[in-house]
Amino acid sequence: MVPLLKRNENLTLGLANPTGYLGVMRFNHLNPPFNDVRVRRAVLVAVKQDDYMLAVTGGDTTAYQDCKALFPCGTPFGTQKCASVMQGDLDAGRKLLKEAGYAGKKW
């Protein structure tokens, strides 16, 4: 939908919120399988942030910023010190799940 709006020369698109939309993935660490820190780490290694952002923005790569931080990038607390953890490597995530002993059990 956004690309369609961008093609309309009678419209001007701008940011309503300069900080942007903050999407967060949070585990319920009180219940299996996420009560195991090794499983949570495996998911963090496997998740590719771009996949989620493209889904939310309708494929418009100009509508988001890749930011692997707890607080929004560009703000005083928005640091990406742990960005290396979020590799977007599904195979590495599978390997870590196997090492954690998770066998696909459904709770």
C-alpha atoms as a PDB file:
ATOM      1  CA  MET A   1       0.000   0.000   0.000  1.00  0.00           C
ATOM      2  CA  VAL A   2       2.811   2.438   0.815  1.00  0.00           C
ATOM      3  CA  PRO A   3       4.425   2.177  -2.657  1.00  0.00           C
ATOM      4  CA  LEU A   4       1.016   3.017  -4.168  1.00  0.00           C
ATOM      5  CA  LEU A   5       0.798   6.133  -1.985  1.00  0.00           C
ATOM      6  CA  LYS A   6       4.337   7.149  -2.930  1.00  0.00           C
ATOM      7  CA  ARG A   7       3.395   7.113  -6.623  1.00  0.00           C
ATOM      8  CA  ASN A   8       0.614   9.638  -6.072  1.00  0.00           C
ATOM      9  CA  GLU A   9       2.180  13.036  -6.728  1.00  0.00           C
ATOM     10  CA  ASN A  10      -0.708  14.784  -4.977  1.00  0.00           C
ATOM     11  CA  LEU A  11       0.341  13.268  -1.639  1.00  0.00           C
ATOM     12  CA  THR A  12       3.263  14.084   0.601  1.00  0.00           C
ATOM     13  CA  LEU A  13       4.339  11.323   2.950  1.00  0.00           C
ATOM     14  CA  GLY A  14       6.188  12.071   6.140  1.00  0.00           C
ATOM     15  CA  LEU A  15       6.961  10.680   9.552  1.00  0.00           C
ATOM     16  CA  ALA A  16       4.356  11.193  12.239  1.00  0.00           C
ATOM     17  CA  ASN A  17       6.696   9.785  14.862  1.00  0.00           C
ATOM     18  CA  PRO A  18      10.425  10.470  14.320  1.00  0.00           C
ATOM     19  CA  THR A  19      11.365   7.678  16.730  1.00  0.00           C
ATOM     20  CA  GLY A  20       9.405   5.210  14.636  1.00  0.00           C
ATOM     21  CA  TYR A  21       7.479   2.092  15.495  1.00  0.00           C
ATOM     22  CA  LEU A  22       9.072  -0.119  18.107  1.00  0.00           C
ATOM     23  CA  GLY A  23       8.463  -3.816  17.549  1.00  0.00           C
ATOM     24  CA  VAL A  24       9.642  -6.152  20.282  1.00  0.00           C
ATOM     25  CA  MET A  25       9.802  -9.916  20.512  1.00  0.00           C
ATOM     26  CA  ARG A  26       9.597 -11.059  24.118  1.00  0.00           C
ATOM     27  CA  PHE A  27       9.691 -14.625  25.382  1.00  0.00           C
ATOM     28  CA  ASN A  28       7.478 -15.932  28.163  1.00  0.00           C
ATOM     29  CA  HIS A  29      10.440 -17.354  30.054  1.00  0.00           C
ATOM     30  CA  LEU A  30       8.196 -18.863  32.739  1.00  0.00           C
ATOM     31  CA  ASN A  31       6.905 -21.623  30.442  1.00  0.00           C
ATOM     32  CA  PRO A  32       8.579 -24.290  28.292  1.00  0.00           C
ATOM     33  CA  PRO A  33      10.391 -24.247  26.011  1.00  0.00           C
ATOM     34  CA  PHE A  34      11.447 -20.656  26.672  1.00  0.00           C
ATOM     35  CA  ASN A  35      12.208 -21.293  30.322  1.00  0.00           C
ATOM     36  CA  ASP A  36      15.503 -22.692  28.995  1.00  0.00           C
ATOM     37  CA  VAL A  37      17.932 -19.865  28.238  1.00  0.00           C
ATOM     38  CA  ARG A  38      19.588 -22.024  25.554  1.00  0.00           C
ATOM     39  CA  VAL A  39      16.317 -22.139  23.589  1.00  0.00           C
ATOM     40  CA  ARG A  40      15.910 -18.370  23.846  1.00  0.00           C
ATOM     41  CA  ARG A  41      19.453 -17.889  22.579  1.00  0.00           C
ATOM     42  CA  ALA A  42      18.788 -20.249  19.662  1.00  0.00           C
ATOM     43  CA  VAL A  43      15.781 -18.182  18.597  1.00  0.00           C
ATOM     44  CA  LEU A  44      17.754 -14.934  18.832  1.00  0.00           C
ATOM     45  CA  VAL A  45      20.456 -16.404  16.589  1.00  0.00           C
ATOM     46  CA  ALA A  46      17.910 -17.697  14.050  1.00  0.00           C
ATOM     47  CA  VAL A  47      15.521 -14.741  13.763  1.00  0.00           C
ATOM     48  CA  LYS A  48      16.098 -12.480  10.789  1.00  0.00           C
ATOM     49  CA  GLN A  49      14.712  -9.068  11.676  1.00  0.00           C
ATOM     50  CA  ASP A  50      14.296  -8.047   8.034  1.00  0.00           C
ATOM     51  CA  ASP A  51      11.732 -10.825   7.454  1.00  0.00           C
ATOM     52  CA  TYR A  52       9.466  -9.381  10.123  1.00  0.00           C
ATOM     53  CA  MET A  53      10.001  -5.765   9.128  1.00  0.00           C
ATOM     54  CA  LEU A  54       9.259  -6.499   5.475  1.00  0.00           C
ATOM     55  CA  ALA A  55       6.011  -8.194   6.510  1.00  0.00           C
ATOM     56  CA  VAL A  56       4.971  -5.231   8.659  1.00  0.00           C
ATOM     57  CA  THR A  57       5.835  -2.595   6.054  1.00  0.00           C
ATOM     58  CA  GLY A  58       4.461  -4.410   3.018  1.00  0.00           C
ATOM     59  CA  GLY A  59       7.908  -4.930   1.549  1.00  0.00           C
ATOM     60  CA  ASP A  60       8.921  -1.263   1.681  1.00  0.00           C
ATOM     61  CA  THR A  61      12.573  -1.256   2.773  1.00  0.00           C
ATOM     62  CA  THR A  62      12.550   2.538   3.094  1.00  0.00           C
ATOM     63  CA  ALA A  63       9.882   2.340   5.823  1.00  0.00           C
ATOM     64  CA  TYR A  64      12.127   0.851   8.490  1.00  0.00           C
ATOM     65  CA  GLN A  65      15.617   0.875   9.873  1.00  0.00           C
ATOM     66  CA  ASP A  66      17.484  -2.299  10.754  1.00  0.00           C
ATOM     67  CA  CYS A  67      18.082  -1.862  14.476  1.00  0.00           C
ATOM     68  CA  LYS A  68      19.128  -4.658  16.798  1.00  0.00           C
ATOM     69  CA  ALA A  69      18.761  -2.753  20.055  1.00  0.00           C
ATOM     70  CA  LEU A  70      16.341  -2.800  22.963  1.00  0.00           C
ATOM     71  CA  PHE A  71      15.714   0.935  22.666  1.00  0.00           C
ATOM     72  CA  PRO A  72      15.211   2.613  19.253  1.00  0.00           C
ATOM     73  CA  CYS A  73      18.377   3.393  17.319  1.00  0.00           C
ATOM     74  CA  GLY A  74      19.089   7.094  17.142  1.00  0.00           C
ATOM     75  CA  THR A  75      17.882   7.679  20.689  1.00  0.00           C
ATOM     76  CA  PRO A  76      20.231   8.171  23.670  1.00  0.00           C
ATOM     77  CA  PHE A  77      19.901   4.554  24.838  1.00  0.00           C
ATOM     78  CA  GLY A  78      19.683   2.937  21.391  1.00  0.00           C
ATOM     79  CA  THR A  79      22.912   0.958  21.224  1.00  0.00           C
ATOM     80  CA  GLN A  80      23.489  -2.177  19.178  1.00  0.00           C
ATOM     81  CA  LYS A  81      26.127  -3.713  21.444  1.00  0.00           C
ATOM     82  CA  CYS A  82      24.628  -7.197  21.128  1.00  0.00           C
ATOM     83  CA  ALA A  83      23.821  -7.047  17.413  1.00  0.00           C
ATOM     84  CA  SER A  84      26.217  -9.932  16.722  1.00  0.00           C
ATOM     85  CA  VAL A  85      23.845 -12.260  18.597  1.00  0.00           C
ATOM     86  CA  MET A  86      21.005 -11.611  16.124  1.00  0.00           C
ATOM     87  CA  GLN A  87      22.634 -13.248  13.122  1.00  0.00           C
ATOM     88  CA  GLY A  88      19.550 -14.338  11.203  1.00  0.00           C
ATOM     89  CA  ASP A  89      21.129 -17.768  10.735  1.00  0.00           C
ATOM     90  CA  LEU A  90      18.429 -20.448  10.760  1.00  0.00           C
ATOM     91  CA  ASP A  91      20.909 -23.331  10.540  1.00  0.00           C
ATOM     92  CA  ALA A  92      22.886 -22.026  13.529  1.00  0.00           C
ATOM     93  CA  GLY A  93      19.621 -21.658  15.455  1.00  0.00           C
ATOM     94  CA  ARG A  94      18.656 -25.256  14.661  1.00  0.00           C
ATOM     95  CA  LYS A  95      22.055 -26.443  15.828  1.00  0.00           C
ATOM     96  CA  LEU A  96      21.691 -24.566  19.120  1.00  0.00           C
ATOM     97  CA  LEU A  97      18.183 -26.005  19.624  1.00  0.00           C
ATOM     98  CA  LYS A  98      19.544 -29.503  19.115  1.00  0.00           C
ATOM     99  CA  GLU A  99      22.367 -28.833  21.580  1.00  0.00           C
ATOM    100  CA  ALA A 100      19.758 -27.603  24.088  1.00  0.00           C
ATOM    101  CA  GLY A 101      17.977 -30.936  23.801  1.00  0.00           C
ATOM    102  CA  TYR A 102      14.816 -29.494  22.278  1.00  0.00           C
ATOM    103  CA  ALA A 103      13.190 -32.070  19.988  1.00  0.00           C
ATOM    104  CA  GLY A 104      10.165 -30.156  18.725  1.00  0.00           C
ATOM    105  CA  LYS A 105       7.831 -31.093  21.554  1.00  0.00           C
ATOM    106  CA  LYS A 106       4.576 -29.135  21.514  1.00  0.00           C
ATOM    107  CA  TRP A 107       3.385 -27.849  24.872  1.00  0.00           C
END
